[in-house]
């Protein structure tokens, strides 16, 4: 009888373990200085952040999340802010990607650039414009709205201020809310780029760094 109870208990435990494993979300984290975490290693707060990221529009844990999980309450707030600034900003998607690329170039964040280079092209940015940003040059032949975003973001990042002309052009195209949303998206991608650079986050398998050092 005791053997039967023991066997029953073992079967129950195995069943519970199997159910827990089946319920675990599917993802694979990457990292360098920060060891990639598994679901079993995560605290409840880390699991909650992971579920929130995967349930959102990104649907992926690629990028800074393995780093941000080390402070999951902060990380969850940051990723929710980032999701809003990336997908729900008042700035048109193509131009939002331009602001993200300018920020990634500022930090020479290789993974960030690699990811958003593709997103920028898909959103409608021209290859020539993206190549110029990568080279640290002001793109030629920009549309007026592209020029307004480039000048505002570039001035704010590299001079720590915005000229009256750049402010007026951005306000004319996007209004005061648009100016604040540009600041917001750059602010979030500062966090992303700093996290990735601190970790020395690896590029996708087979990818090579696209950014070279430039003099500003």
N, C-alpha and C. Protein backbone atom coordinates (compact mmCIF):
# COMPACT_ATOMS: atom_id res chain seq x y z
N UNK A 1 0.83 -1.22 0.00
CA UNK A 1 0.00 0.00 0.00
C UNK A 1 0.86 1.26 0.00
N UNK A 2 1.92 1.25 0.85
CA UNK A 2 2.79 2.42 0.91
C UNK A 2 3.46 2.67 -0.44
N UNK A 3 3.85 1.58 -1.09
CA UNK A 3 4.48 1.73 -2.41
C UNK A 3 3.51 2.36 -3.40
N UNK A 4 2.24 1.94 -3.30
CA UNK A 4 1.24 2.51 -4.20
C UNK A 4 1.07 4.01 -3.97
N UNK A 5 1.02 4.41 -2.67
CA UNK A 5 0.90 5.82 -2.34
C UNK A 5 2.13 6.59 -2.83
N UNK A 6 3.32 6.02 -2.64
CA UNK A 6 4.55 6.68 -3.08
C UNK A 6 4.55 6.84 -4.59
N UNK A 7 4.14 5.77 -5.28
CA UNK A 7 4.10 5.84 -6.74
C UNK A 7 3.09 6.87 -7.20
N UNK A 8 1.96 6.92 -6.48
CA UNK A 8 0.92 7.90 -6.82
C UNK A 8 1.44 9.33 -6.63
N UNK A 9 2.18 9.52 -5.52
CA UNK A 9 2.74 10.83 -5.24
C UNK A 9 3.74 11.25 -6.31
N UNK A 10 4.57 10.31 -6.73
CA UNK A 10 5.55 10.61 -7.77
C UNK A 10 4.87 10.96 -9.08
N UNK A 11 3.83 10.20 -9.41
CA UNK A 11 3.09 10.48 -10.64
C UNK A 11 2.46 11.87 -10.58
N UNK A 12 1.91 12.21 -9.40
CA UNK A 12 1.30 13.53 -9.23
C UNK A 12 2.32 14.64 -9.42
N UNK A 13 3.50 14.48 -8.80
CA UNK A 13 4.55 15.49 -8.92
C UNK A 13 5.00 15.64 -10.36
N UNK A 14 5.16 14.51 -11.04
CA UNK A 14 5.56 14.56 -12.44
C UNK A 14 4.50 15.26 -13.29
N UNK A 15 3.24 14.99 -12.95
CA UNK A 15 2.15 15.63 -13.68
C UNK A 15 2.15 17.14 -13.49
N UNK A 16 2.38 17.57 -12.25
CA UNK A 16 2.44 19.00 -11.95
C UNK A 16 3.60 19.64 -12.68
N UNK A 17 4.77 18.99 -12.63
CA UNK A 17 5.95 19.53 -13.30
C UNK A 17 5.72 19.65 -14.80
N UNK A 18 5.07 18.65 -15.37
CA UNK A 18 4.79 18.68 -16.81
C UNK A 18 3.82 19.81 -17.15
N UNK A 19 2.82 20.00 -16.30
CA UNK A 19 1.84 21.07 -16.53
C UNK A 19 2.49 22.43 -16.43
N UNK A 20 3.38 22.61 -15.45
CA UNK A 20 4.08 23.89 -15.28
C UNK A 20 4.95 24.17 -16.49
N UNK A 21 5.68 23.13 -16.95
CA UNK A 21 6.53 23.30 -18.13
C UNK A 21 5.71 23.65 -19.36
N UNK A 22 4.55 23.03 -19.49
CA UNK A 22 3.69 23.31 -20.64
C UNK A 22 3.14 24.73 -20.60
N UNK A 23 2.91 25.26 -19.40
CA UNK A 23 2.37 26.59 -19.25
C UNK A 23 3.44 27.68 -19.42
N UNK A 24 4.71 27.32 -19.35
CA UNK A 24 5.78 28.31 -19.45
C UNK A 24 5.79 28.91 -20.85
N UNK A 25 5.87 30.25 -20.97
CA UNK A 25 5.92 30.86 -22.30
C UNK A 25 7.18 30.46 -23.05
N UNK A 26 7.10 30.46 -24.36
CA UNK A 26 8.22 30.06 -25.19
C UNK A 26 9.06 31.28 -25.58
N UNK A 27 10.30 31.29 -25.17
CA UNK A 27 11.22 32.37 -25.52
C UNK A 27 12.63 31.89 -25.25
N UNK A 28 13.60 32.60 -25.81
CA UNK A 28 15.00 32.30 -25.56
C UNK A 28 15.74 33.60 -25.43
N UNK A 29 16.26 33.86 -24.24
CA UNK A 29 16.98 35.10 -24.00
C UNK A 29 18.43 34.97 -24.46
N UNK A 30 19.01 36.13 -24.80
CA UNK A 30 20.41 36.21 -25.17
C UNK A 30 21.09 37.20 -24.25
N UNK A 31 22.41 37.13 -24.17
CA UNK A 31 23.15 38.07 -23.35
C UNK A 31 24.62 37.75 -23.34
N UNK A 32 25.40 38.66 -22.74
CA UNK A 32 26.83 38.45 -22.61
C UNK A 32 27.20 38.60 -21.14
N UNK A 33 27.34 39.83 -20.66
CA UNK A 33 27.68 40.03 -19.25
C UNK A 33 26.53 39.60 -18.32
N UNK A 34 25.31 39.76 -18.80
CA UNK A 34 24.15 39.33 -18.04
C UNK A 34 23.73 37.95 -18.54
N UNK A 35 23.85 36.96 -17.69
CA UNK A 35 23.53 35.59 -18.08
C UNK A 35 22.07 35.49 -18.52
N UNK A 36 21.81 34.89 -19.68
CA UNK A 36 20.42 34.71 -20.11
C UNK A 36 19.64 33.88 -19.10
N UNK A 37 18.51 34.40 -18.67
CA UNK A 37 17.69 33.72 -17.68
C UNK A 37 16.75 32.73 -18.35
N UNK A 38 16.40 31.69 -17.63
CA UNK A 38 15.35 30.78 -18.06
C UNK A 38 14.11 31.05 -17.22
N UNK A 39 12.98 30.52 -17.66
CA UNK A 39 11.72 30.69 -16.92
C UNK A 39 11.85 30.15 -15.50
N UNK A 40 12.49 29.01 -15.35
CA UNK A 40 12.62 28.39 -14.03
C UNK A 40 13.46 29.23 -13.07
N UNK A 41 14.37 30.02 -13.61
CA UNK A 41 15.24 30.84 -12.77
C UNK A 41 14.60 32.16 -12.35
N UNK A 42 13.48 32.52 -12.97
CA UNK A 42 12.91 33.84 -12.74
C UNK A 42 12.10 33.92 -11.46
N UNK A 43 12.12 35.11 -10.86
CA UNK A 43 11.25 35.41 -9.73
C UNK A 43 9.85 35.70 -10.26
N UNK A 44 8.85 35.73 -9.37
CA UNK A 44 7.50 36.09 -9.84
C UNK A 44 7.46 37.43 -10.57
N UNK A 45 8.21 38.43 -10.09
CA UNK A 45 8.20 39.74 -10.75
C UNK A 45 8.83 39.65 -12.14
N UNK A 46 9.87 38.86 -12.27
CA UNK A 46 10.50 38.69 -13.58
C UNK A 46 9.58 37.95 -14.54
N UNK A 47 8.87 36.95 -14.02
CA UNK A 47 7.92 36.24 -14.88
C UNK A 47 6.79 37.16 -15.33
N UNK A 48 6.33 38.01 -14.43
CA UNK A 48 5.26 38.94 -14.78
C UNK A 48 5.70 39.88 -15.89
N UNK A 49 6.92 40.42 -15.77
CA UNK A 49 7.45 41.30 -16.82
C UNK A 49 7.55 40.56 -18.14
N UNK A 50 8.06 39.32 -18.10
CA UNK A 50 8.21 38.52 -19.31
C UNK A 50 6.86 38.30 -19.98
N UNK A 51 5.86 37.94 -19.21
CA UNK A 51 4.53 37.71 -19.76
C UNK A 51 3.97 38.99 -20.38
N UNK A 52 4.23 40.14 -19.74
CA UNK A 52 3.73 41.40 -20.27
C UNK A 52 4.40 41.75 -21.60
N UNK A 53 5.70 41.52 -21.70
CA UNK A 53 6.39 41.79 -22.97
C UNK A 53 5.85 40.88 -24.07
N UNK A 54 5.74 39.59 -23.78
CA UNK A 54 5.31 38.63 -24.79
C UNK A 54 3.85 38.83 -25.21
N UNK A 55 3.05 39.37 -24.30
CA UNK A 55 1.63 39.60 -24.61
C UNK A 55 1.42 40.89 -25.40
N UNK A 56 2.45 41.73 -25.46
CA UNK A 56 2.31 43.00 -26.15
C UNK A 56 2.58 42.89 -27.64
N UNK A 57 2.70 44.03 -28.30
CA UNK A 57 2.86 44.05 -29.75
C UNK A 57 4.21 43.52 -30.19
N UNK A 58 5.21 43.55 -29.30
CA UNK A 58 6.53 43.03 -29.69
C UNK A 58 6.48 41.52 -29.85
N UNK A 59 5.91 40.83 -28.83
CA UNK A 59 5.82 39.38 -28.87
C UNK A 59 7.16 38.68 -28.83
N UNK A 60 8.19 39.35 -28.38
CA UNK A 60 9.54 38.78 -28.40
C UNK A 60 10.33 39.34 -27.22
N UNK A 61 11.26 38.52 -26.71
CA UNK A 61 12.14 38.96 -25.62
C UNK A 61 13.53 39.33 -26.14
N UNK A 62 13.68 39.49 -27.46
CA UNK A 62 14.95 39.94 -27.99
C UNK A 62 15.21 41.39 -27.59
N UNK A 63 16.47 41.74 -27.43
CA UNK A 63 16.80 43.11 -27.09
C UNK A 63 17.17 43.28 -25.63
N UNK A 64 16.74 44.39 -25.01
CA UNK A 64 17.26 44.74 -23.69
C UNK A 64 16.61 44.01 -22.52
N UNK A 65 15.64 43.13 -22.78
CA UNK A 65 14.81 42.63 -21.69
C UNK A 65 15.56 41.72 -20.73
N UNK A 66 16.54 40.96 -21.22
CA UNK A 66 17.33 40.13 -20.32
C UNK A 66 18.08 41.00 -19.31
N UNK A 67 18.47 42.20 -19.71
CA UNK A 67 19.10 43.15 -18.78
C UNK A 67 18.06 43.75 -17.85
N UNK A 68 16.97 44.24 -18.42
CA UNK A 68 15.95 44.93 -17.62
C UNK A 68 15.29 44.00 -16.61
N UNK A 69 15.32 42.69 -16.86
CA UNK A 69 14.74 41.73 -15.90
C UNK A 69 15.45 41.77 -14.56
N UNK A 70 16.68 42.27 -14.52
CA UNK A 70 17.40 42.32 -13.24
C UNK A 70 16.76 43.32 -12.28
N UNK A 71 16.01 44.27 -12.81
CA UNK A 71 15.21 45.17 -11.99
C UNK A 71 13.79 45.13 -12.57
N UNK A 72 13.05 44.05 -12.31
CA UNK A 72 11.83 43.77 -13.08
C UNK A 72 10.74 44.82 -12.92
N UNK A 73 10.64 45.44 -11.75
CA UNK A 73 9.61 46.47 -11.60
C UNK A 73 9.93 47.67 -12.49
N UNK A 74 11.20 48.11 -12.44
CA UNK A 74 11.63 49.18 -13.33
C UNK A 74 11.53 48.73 -14.78
N UNK A 75 11.98 47.50 -15.07
CA UNK A 75 11.98 47.00 -16.42
C UNK A 75 10.59 46.92 -17.02
N UNK A 76 9.61 46.53 -16.21
CA UNK A 76 8.25 46.43 -16.72
C UNK A 76 7.67 47.81 -17.03
N UNK A 77 7.94 48.77 -16.16
CA UNK A 77 7.51 50.14 -16.44
C UNK A 77 8.18 50.66 -17.71
N UNK A 78 9.48 50.38 -17.84
CA UNK A 78 10.22 50.86 -19.00
C UNK A 78 9.70 50.24 -20.29
N UNK A 79 9.45 48.92 -20.27
CA UNK A 79 9.00 48.28 -21.52
C UNK A 79 7.60 48.74 -21.91
N UNK A 80 6.75 49.03 -20.93
CA UNK A 80 5.42 49.54 -21.25
C UNK A 80 5.51 50.95 -21.85
N UNK A 81 6.38 51.77 -21.27
CA UNK A 81 6.62 53.11 -21.82
C UNK A 81 7.17 52.99 -23.24
N UNK A 82 8.13 52.08 -23.42
CA UNK A 82 8.72 51.89 -24.74
C UNK A 82 7.72 51.40 -25.76
N UNK A 83 6.84 50.50 -25.36
CA UNK A 83 5.82 50.01 -26.29
C UNK A 83 4.91 51.14 -26.74
N UNK A 84 4.55 52.03 -25.81
CA UNK A 84 3.71 53.17 -26.19
C UNK A 84 4.45 54.07 -27.15
N UNK A 85 5.72 54.40 -26.83
CA UNK A 85 6.46 55.33 -27.67
C UNK A 85 6.76 54.74 -29.05
N UNK A 86 6.89 53.44 -29.13
CA UNK A 86 7.19 52.83 -30.43
C UNK A 86 5.94 52.66 -31.29
N UNK A 87 4.83 52.25 -30.68
CA UNK A 87 3.65 51.87 -31.47
C UNK A 87 2.52 52.89 -31.44
N UNK A 88 2.48 53.75 -30.44
CA UNK A 88 1.31 54.62 -30.27
C UNK A 88 1.68 56.10 -30.19
N UNK A 89 2.88 56.45 -30.57
CA UNK A 89 3.29 57.85 -30.59
C UNK A 89 2.47 58.64 -31.60
N UNK A 90 2.37 59.93 -31.38
CA UNK A 90 1.70 60.79 -32.37
C UNK A 90 2.58 61.02 -33.60
N UNK A 91 3.86 60.67 -33.51
CA UNK A 91 4.76 60.80 -34.65
C UNK A 91 4.52 59.65 -35.63
N UNK A 92 4.38 59.92 -36.91
CA UNK A 92 4.18 58.83 -37.88
C UNK A 92 5.28 57.77 -37.77
N UNK A 93 4.91 56.53 -38.04
CA UNK A 93 5.80 55.39 -37.78
C UNK A 93 7.15 55.54 -38.47
N UNK A 94 7.15 55.93 -39.73
CA UNK A 94 8.41 56.08 -40.46
C UNK A 94 9.33 57.08 -39.77
N UNK A 95 8.77 58.18 -39.33
CA UNK A 95 9.56 59.23 -38.71
C UNK A 95 9.99 58.84 -37.30
N UNK A 96 9.14 58.06 -36.63
CA UNK A 96 9.52 57.54 -35.31
C UNK A 96 10.74 56.64 -35.42
N UNK A 97 10.76 55.81 -36.48
CA UNK A 97 11.93 54.95 -36.71
C UNK A 97 13.17 55.78 -37.00
N UNK A 98 13.01 56.90 -37.66
CA UNK A 98 14.15 57.78 -37.90
C UNK A 98 14.71 58.29 -36.57
N UNK A 99 13.84 58.70 -35.67
CA UNK A 99 14.30 59.17 -34.35
C UNK A 99 15.02 58.06 -33.59
N UNK A 100 14.51 56.84 -33.71
CA UNK A 100 15.15 55.70 -33.04
C UNK A 100 16.53 55.44 -33.64
N UNK A 101 16.65 55.49 -34.96
CA UNK A 101 17.94 55.27 -35.61
C UNK A 101 18.95 56.35 -35.23
N UNK A 102 18.50 57.59 -35.16
CA UNK A 102 19.41 58.67 -34.77
C UNK A 102 19.94 58.43 -33.36
N UNK A 103 19.06 57.95 -32.48
CA UNK A 103 19.47 57.65 -31.10
C UNK A 103 20.42 56.46 -31.06
N UNK A 104 20.11 55.41 -31.83
CA UNK A 104 21.00 54.25 -31.88
C UNK A 104 22.37 54.61 -32.43
N UNK A 105 22.40 55.50 -33.44
CA UNK A 105 23.67 55.96 -34.00
C UNK A 105 24.46 56.76 -32.96
N UNK A 106 23.78 57.58 -32.18
CA UNK A 106 24.42 58.37 -31.13
C UNK A 106 25.19 57.48 -30.16
N UNK A 107 24.59 56.33 -29.81
CA UNK A 107 25.20 55.40 -28.86
C UNK A 107 26.06 54.35 -29.56
N UNK A 108 26.11 54.36 -30.89
CA UNK A 108 26.77 53.28 -31.64
C UNK A 108 26.31 51.92 -31.10
N UNK A 109 25.02 51.79 -30.92
CA UNK A 109 24.43 50.57 -30.37
C UNK A 109 24.17 49.60 -31.53
N UNK A 110 25.07 48.62 -31.66
CA UNK A 110 25.05 47.78 -32.85
C UNK A 110 23.76 46.97 -32.99
N UNK A 111 23.32 46.36 -31.90
CA UNK A 111 22.10 45.56 -32.00
C UNK A 111 20.90 46.44 -32.29
N UNK A 112 20.82 47.57 -31.60
CA UNK A 112 19.68 48.48 -31.82
C UNK A 112 19.65 48.94 -33.28
N UNK A 113 20.81 49.28 -33.80
CA UNK A 113 20.87 49.72 -35.20
C UNK A 113 20.49 48.59 -36.14
N UNK A 114 21.02 47.41 -35.91
CA UNK A 114 20.72 46.27 -36.78
C UNK A 114 19.23 45.99 -36.85
N UNK A 115 18.55 46.05 -35.71
CA UNK A 115 17.12 45.78 -35.67
C UNK A 115 16.33 46.89 -36.36
N UNK A 116 16.63 48.14 -36.03
CA UNK A 116 15.80 49.24 -36.52
C UNK A 116 16.20 49.71 -37.91
N UNK A 117 17.36 49.31 -38.38
CA UNK A 117 17.68 49.50 -39.79
C UNK A 117 16.61 48.79 -40.63
N UNK A 118 16.33 47.55 -40.28
CA UNK A 118 15.31 46.78 -41.01
C UNK A 118 13.92 47.39 -40.82
N UNK A 119 13.60 47.77 -39.58
CA UNK A 119 12.28 48.35 -39.32
C UNK A 119 12.12 49.68 -40.07
N UNK A 120 13.20 50.46 -40.12
CA UNK A 120 13.14 51.74 -40.81
C UNK A 120 12.88 51.58 -42.30
N UNK A 121 13.57 50.63 -42.91
CA UNK A 121 13.33 50.35 -44.33
C UNK A 121 11.89 49.90 -44.57
N UNK A 122 11.42 49.00 -43.70
CA UNK A 122 10.05 48.50 -43.85
C UNK A 122 9.02 49.61 -43.67
N UNK A 123 9.36 50.61 -42.84
CA UNK A 123 8.43 51.72 -42.59
C UNK A 123 8.45 52.75 -43.69
N UNK A 124 9.44 52.68 -44.59
CA UNK A 124 9.46 53.61 -45.72
C UNK A 124 10.63 54.56 -45.78
N UNK A 125 11.58 54.48 -44.85
CA UNK A 125 12.77 55.32 -44.93
C UNK A 125 13.63 54.83 -46.10
N UNK A 126 14.27 55.76 -46.80
CA UNK A 126 15.08 55.36 -47.94
C UNK A 126 16.42 54.79 -47.48
N UNK A 127 16.96 53.84 -48.23
CA UNK A 127 18.28 53.31 -47.88
C UNK A 127 19.35 54.40 -47.81
N UNK A 128 19.28 55.39 -48.71
CA UNK A 128 20.27 56.46 -48.72
C UNK A 128 20.21 57.29 -47.45
N UNK A 129 19.00 57.55 -46.98
CA UNK A 129 18.84 58.32 -45.74
C UNK A 129 19.44 57.54 -44.57
N UNK A 130 19.14 56.26 -44.48
CA UNK A 130 19.65 55.45 -43.37
C UNK A 130 21.17 55.34 -43.44
N UNK A 131 21.70 55.18 -44.65
CA UNK A 131 23.16 55.09 -44.81
C UNK A 131 23.84 56.38 -44.36
N UNK A 132 23.23 57.51 -44.65
CA UNK A 132 23.81 58.79 -44.23
C UNK A 132 23.82 58.91 -42.71
N UNK A 133 22.73 58.53 -42.07
CA UNK A 133 22.69 58.57 -40.60
C UNK A 133 23.77 57.65 -40.03
N UNK A 134 23.93 56.46 -40.62
CA UNK A 134 24.95 55.52 -40.15
C UNK A 134 26.34 56.12 -40.28
N UNK A 135 26.58 56.91 -41.33
CA UNK A 135 27.89 57.52 -41.56
C UNK A 135 28.09 58.80 -40.76
N UNK A 136 27.08 59.22 -40.02
CA UNK A 136 27.21 60.44 -39.23
C UNK A 136 27.06 61.70 -40.04
N UNK A 137 26.35 61.60 -41.18
CA UNK A 137 26.17 62.75 -42.05
C UNK A 137 24.70 63.14 -42.13
N UNK A 138 24.45 64.41 -42.38
CA UNK A 138 23.07 64.85 -42.57
C UNK A 138 22.58 64.33 -43.92
N UNK A 139 21.50 63.59 -43.95
CA UNK A 139 21.02 63.03 -45.22
C UNK A 139 20.63 64.13 -46.21
N UNK A 140 20.89 63.87 -47.47
CA UNK A 140 20.47 64.79 -48.52
C UNK A 140 19.06 64.44 -48.97
N UNK A 141 18.40 65.40 -49.60
CA UNK A 141 17.10 65.15 -50.24
C UNK A 141 16.05 64.60 -49.28
N UNK A 142 16.04 65.09 -48.05
CA UNK A 142 15.01 64.67 -47.10
C UNK A 142 13.70 65.40 -47.40
N UNK A 143 12.59 64.72 -47.10
CA UNK A 143 11.30 65.38 -47.11
C UNK A 143 11.25 66.36 -45.93
N UNK A 144 10.40 67.40 -46.01
CA UNK A 144 10.36 68.38 -44.93
C UNK A 144 10.09 67.77 -43.55
N UNK A 145 9.23 66.75 -43.47
CA UNK A 145 8.96 66.16 -42.16
C UNK A 145 10.16 65.35 -41.67
N UNK A 146 10.88 64.69 -42.60
CA UNK A 146 12.09 63.98 -42.21
C UNK A 146 13.15 64.94 -41.72
N UNK A 147 13.31 66.07 -42.41
CA UNK A 147 14.30 67.07 -42.00
C UNK A 147 13.96 67.64 -40.63
N UNK A 148 12.68 67.85 -40.37
CA UNK A 148 12.28 68.39 -39.07
C UNK A 148 12.65 67.43 -37.95
N UNK A 149 12.42 66.13 -38.16
CA UNK A 149 12.78 65.13 -37.14
C UNK A 149 14.29 65.04 -37.00
N UNK A 150 14.98 64.95 -38.12
CA UNK A 150 16.45 64.82 -38.06
C UNK A 150 17.08 66.00 -37.32
N UNK A 151 16.71 67.22 -37.72
CA UNK A 151 17.35 68.39 -37.12
C UNK A 151 17.03 68.49 -35.63
N UNK A 152 15.77 68.25 -35.26
CA UNK A 152 15.41 68.33 -33.85
C UNK A 152 16.19 67.30 -33.03
N UNK A 153 16.14 66.04 -33.46
CA UNK A 153 16.78 64.98 -32.69
C UNK A 153 18.30 65.13 -32.68
N UNK A 154 18.88 65.43 -33.82
CA UNK A 154 20.33 65.55 -33.89
C UNK A 154 20.83 66.70 -33.04
N UNK A 155 20.17 67.84 -33.12
CA UNK A 155 20.59 68.99 -32.30
C UNK A 155 20.48 68.67 -30.81
N UNK A 156 19.37 68.07 -30.41
CA UNK A 156 19.17 67.79 -28.99
C UNK A 156 20.21 66.81 -28.48
N UNK A 157 20.54 65.79 -29.27
CA UNK A 157 21.51 64.80 -28.83
C UNK A 157 22.93 65.34 -28.83
N UNK A 158 23.31 66.04 -29.88
CA UNK A 158 24.72 66.39 -30.05
C UNK A 158 25.08 67.78 -29.54
N UNK A 159 24.09 68.67 -29.36
CA UNK A 159 24.39 70.00 -28.79
C UNK A 159 23.75 70.19 -27.43
N UNK A 160 22.92 69.21 -26.99
CA UNK A 160 22.20 69.28 -25.71
C UNK A 160 21.25 70.46 -25.66
N UNK A 161 20.84 70.93 -26.83
CA UNK A 161 19.89 72.03 -26.93
C UNK A 161 19.21 71.95 -28.29
N UNK A 162 18.16 72.77 -28.48
CA UNK A 162 17.44 72.81 -29.76
C UNK A 162 17.32 74.27 -30.18
N UNK A 163 17.75 74.56 -31.39
CA UNK A 163 17.68 75.94 -31.89
C UNK A 163 16.23 76.35 -32.11
N UNK A 164 16.01 77.66 -32.18
CA UNK A 164 14.65 78.15 -32.45
C UNK A 164 14.14 77.63 -33.79
N UNK A 165 15.03 77.55 -34.77
CA UNK A 165 14.60 77.10 -36.10
C UNK A 165 14.17 75.63 -36.07
N UNK A 166 14.95 74.78 -35.40
CA UNK A 166 14.60 73.36 -35.32
C UNK A 166 13.34 73.15 -34.50
N UNK A 167 13.18 73.92 -33.43
CA UNK A 167 11.97 73.81 -32.61
C UNK A 167 10.74 74.22 -33.41
N UNK A 168 10.86 75.34 -34.13
CA UNK A 168 9.72 75.83 -34.90
C UNK A 168 9.33 74.85 -36.00
N UNK A 169 10.31 74.26 -36.66
CA UNK A 169 10.01 73.30 -37.74
C UNK A 169 9.31 72.06 -37.19
N UNK A 170 9.80 71.56 -36.04
CA UNK A 170 9.16 70.38 -35.44
C UNK A 170 7.75 70.71 -34.96
N UNK A 171 7.58 71.89 -34.37
CA UNK A 171 6.25 72.28 -33.89
C UNK A 171 5.28 72.47 -35.05
N UNK A 172 5.77 73.02 -36.15
CA UNK A 172 4.92 73.23 -37.32
C UNK A 172 4.44 71.90 -37.90
N UNK A 173 5.31 70.90 -37.90
CA UNK A 173 4.96 69.60 -38.49
C UNK A 173 4.16 68.71 -37.54
N UNK A 174 4.51 68.75 -36.24
CA UNK A 174 3.96 67.75 -35.32
C UNK A 174 3.26 68.32 -34.09
N UNK A 175 3.30 69.64 -33.90
CA UNK A 175 2.67 70.24 -32.73
C UNK A 175 3.50 70.02 -31.47
N UNK A 176 3.03 70.60 -30.38
CA UNK A 176 3.76 70.47 -29.12
C UNK A 176 3.78 69.03 -28.63
N UNK A 177 2.68 68.30 -28.84
CA UNK A 177 2.67 66.89 -28.44
C UNK A 177 3.74 66.12 -29.20
N UNK A 178 3.87 66.39 -30.48
CA UNK A 178 4.88 65.70 -31.27
C UNK A 178 6.28 65.94 -30.77
N UNK A 179 6.56 67.16 -30.35
CA UNK A 179 7.88 67.47 -29.78
C UNK A 179 8.13 66.62 -28.54
N UNK A 180 7.13 66.55 -27.67
CA UNK A 180 7.28 65.75 -26.45
C UNK A 180 7.42 64.27 -26.79
N UNK A 181 6.68 63.80 -27.81
CA UNK A 181 6.78 62.38 -28.19
C UNK A 181 8.15 62.07 -28.79
N UNK A 182 8.75 63.00 -29.52
CA UNK A 182 10.11 62.80 -30.01
C UNK A 182 11.09 62.67 -28.84
N UNK A 183 10.94 63.54 -27.86
CA UNK A 183 11.79 63.45 -26.66
C UNK A 183 11.58 62.11 -25.98
N UNK A 184 10.32 61.66 -25.91
CA UNK A 184 10.00 60.40 -25.24
C UNK A 184 10.61 59.20 -25.92
N UNK A 185 10.50 59.13 -27.25
CA UNK A 185 11.04 57.96 -27.95
C UNK A 185 12.56 57.95 -27.87
N UNK A 186 13.20 59.12 -27.95
CA UNK A 186 14.65 59.15 -27.79
C UNK A 186 15.04 58.75 -26.37
N UNK A 187 14.26 59.21 -25.40
CA UNK A 187 14.58 58.86 -24.01
C UNK A 187 14.52 57.36 -23.78
N UNK A 188 13.49 56.70 -24.31
CA UNK A 188 13.39 55.26 -24.12
C UNK A 188 14.55 54.55 -24.80
N UNK A 189 14.89 54.97 -26.01
CA UNK A 189 15.96 54.26 -26.72
C UNK A 189 17.35 54.63 -26.21
N UNK A 190 17.46 55.66 -25.41
CA UNK A 190 18.68 55.84 -24.61
C UNK A 190 18.81 54.68 -23.63
N UNK A 191 17.72 54.37 -22.91
CA UNK A 191 17.75 53.25 -21.95
C UNK A 191 18.10 51.96 -22.67
N UNK A 192 17.43 51.71 -23.80
CA UNK A 192 17.68 50.48 -24.56
C UNK A 192 19.14 50.40 -24.99
N UNK A 193 19.64 51.47 -25.59
CA UNK A 193 21.01 51.46 -26.10
C UNK A 193 22.02 51.31 -24.97
N UNK A 194 21.80 51.98 -23.86
CA UNK A 194 22.73 51.86 -22.73
C UNK A 194 22.72 50.45 -22.16
N UNK A 195 21.54 49.85 -22.08
CA UNK A 195 21.45 48.47 -21.57
C UNK A 195 22.18 47.51 -22.50
N UNK A 196 21.95 47.64 -23.79
CA UNK A 196 22.58 46.75 -24.76
C UNK A 196 24.10 46.93 -24.79
N UNK A 197 24.55 48.18 -24.74
CA UNK A 197 25.99 48.42 -24.77
C UNK A 197 26.67 47.95 -23.50
N UNK A 198 26.00 48.13 -22.36
CA UNK A 198 26.57 47.67 -21.10
C UNK A 198 26.72 46.15 -21.09
N UNK A 199 25.72 45.47 -21.63
CA UNK A 199 25.73 44.01 -21.67
C UNK A 199 26.67 43.47 -22.74
N UNK A 200 27.01 44.30 -23.73
CA UNK A 200 27.68 43.82 -24.96
C UNK A 200 26.79 42.77 -25.63
N UNK A 201 25.54 43.15 -25.76
CA UNK A 201 24.51 42.24 -26.26
C UNK A 201 24.88 41.73 -27.65
N UNK A 202 24.80 40.42 -27.87
CA UNK A 202 25.25 39.85 -29.15
C UNK A 202 24.29 40.15 -30.29
N UNK A 203 24.86 40.34 -31.47
CA UNK A 203 24.06 40.45 -32.68
C UNK A 203 23.44 39.10 -33.03
N UNK A 204 22.41 39.09 -33.86
CA UNK A 204 21.87 37.79 -34.31
C UNK A 204 22.96 36.94 -34.95
N UNK A 205 22.81 35.65 -34.88
CA UNK A 205 23.80 34.74 -35.44
C UNK A 205 24.08 35.07 -36.90
N UNK A 206 25.34 35.21 -37.23
CA UNK A 206 25.73 35.48 -38.61
C UNK A 206 25.77 36.94 -38.99
N UNK A 207 25.21 37.83 -38.13
CA UNK A 207 25.20 39.26 -38.44
C UNK A 207 26.53 39.90 -38.05
N UNK A 208 26.90 40.93 -38.79
CA UNK A 208 28.13 41.67 -38.50
C UNK A 208 27.78 43.11 -38.12
N UNK A 209 28.61 43.77 -37.31
CA UNK A 209 28.34 45.16 -36.93
C UNK A 209 28.22 46.05 -38.15
N UNK A 210 27.23 46.91 -38.17
CA UNK A 210 27.01 47.80 -39.31
C UNK A 210 27.57 49.19 -39.09
N UNK A 211 27.74 49.59 -37.84
CA UNK A 211 28.17 50.95 -37.54
C UNK A 211 29.67 51.04 -37.36
N UNK A 212 30.25 52.05 -37.98
CA UNK A 212 31.66 52.35 -37.79
C UNK A 212 31.79 53.61 -36.94
N UNK A 213 32.95 53.79 -36.35
CA UNK A 213 33.19 55.01 -35.55
C UNK A 213 33.13 56.23 -36.47
N UNK A 214 32.51 57.30 -35.99
CA UNK A 214 32.43 58.53 -36.77
C UNK A 214 32.82 59.70 -35.88
N UNK A 215 33.30 60.75 -36.51
CA UNK A 215 33.62 61.97 -35.78
C UNK A 215 32.46 62.93 -35.93
N UNK A 216 31.97 63.38 -34.78
CA UNK A 216 30.86 64.35 -34.82
C UNK A 216 31.39 65.75 -34.65
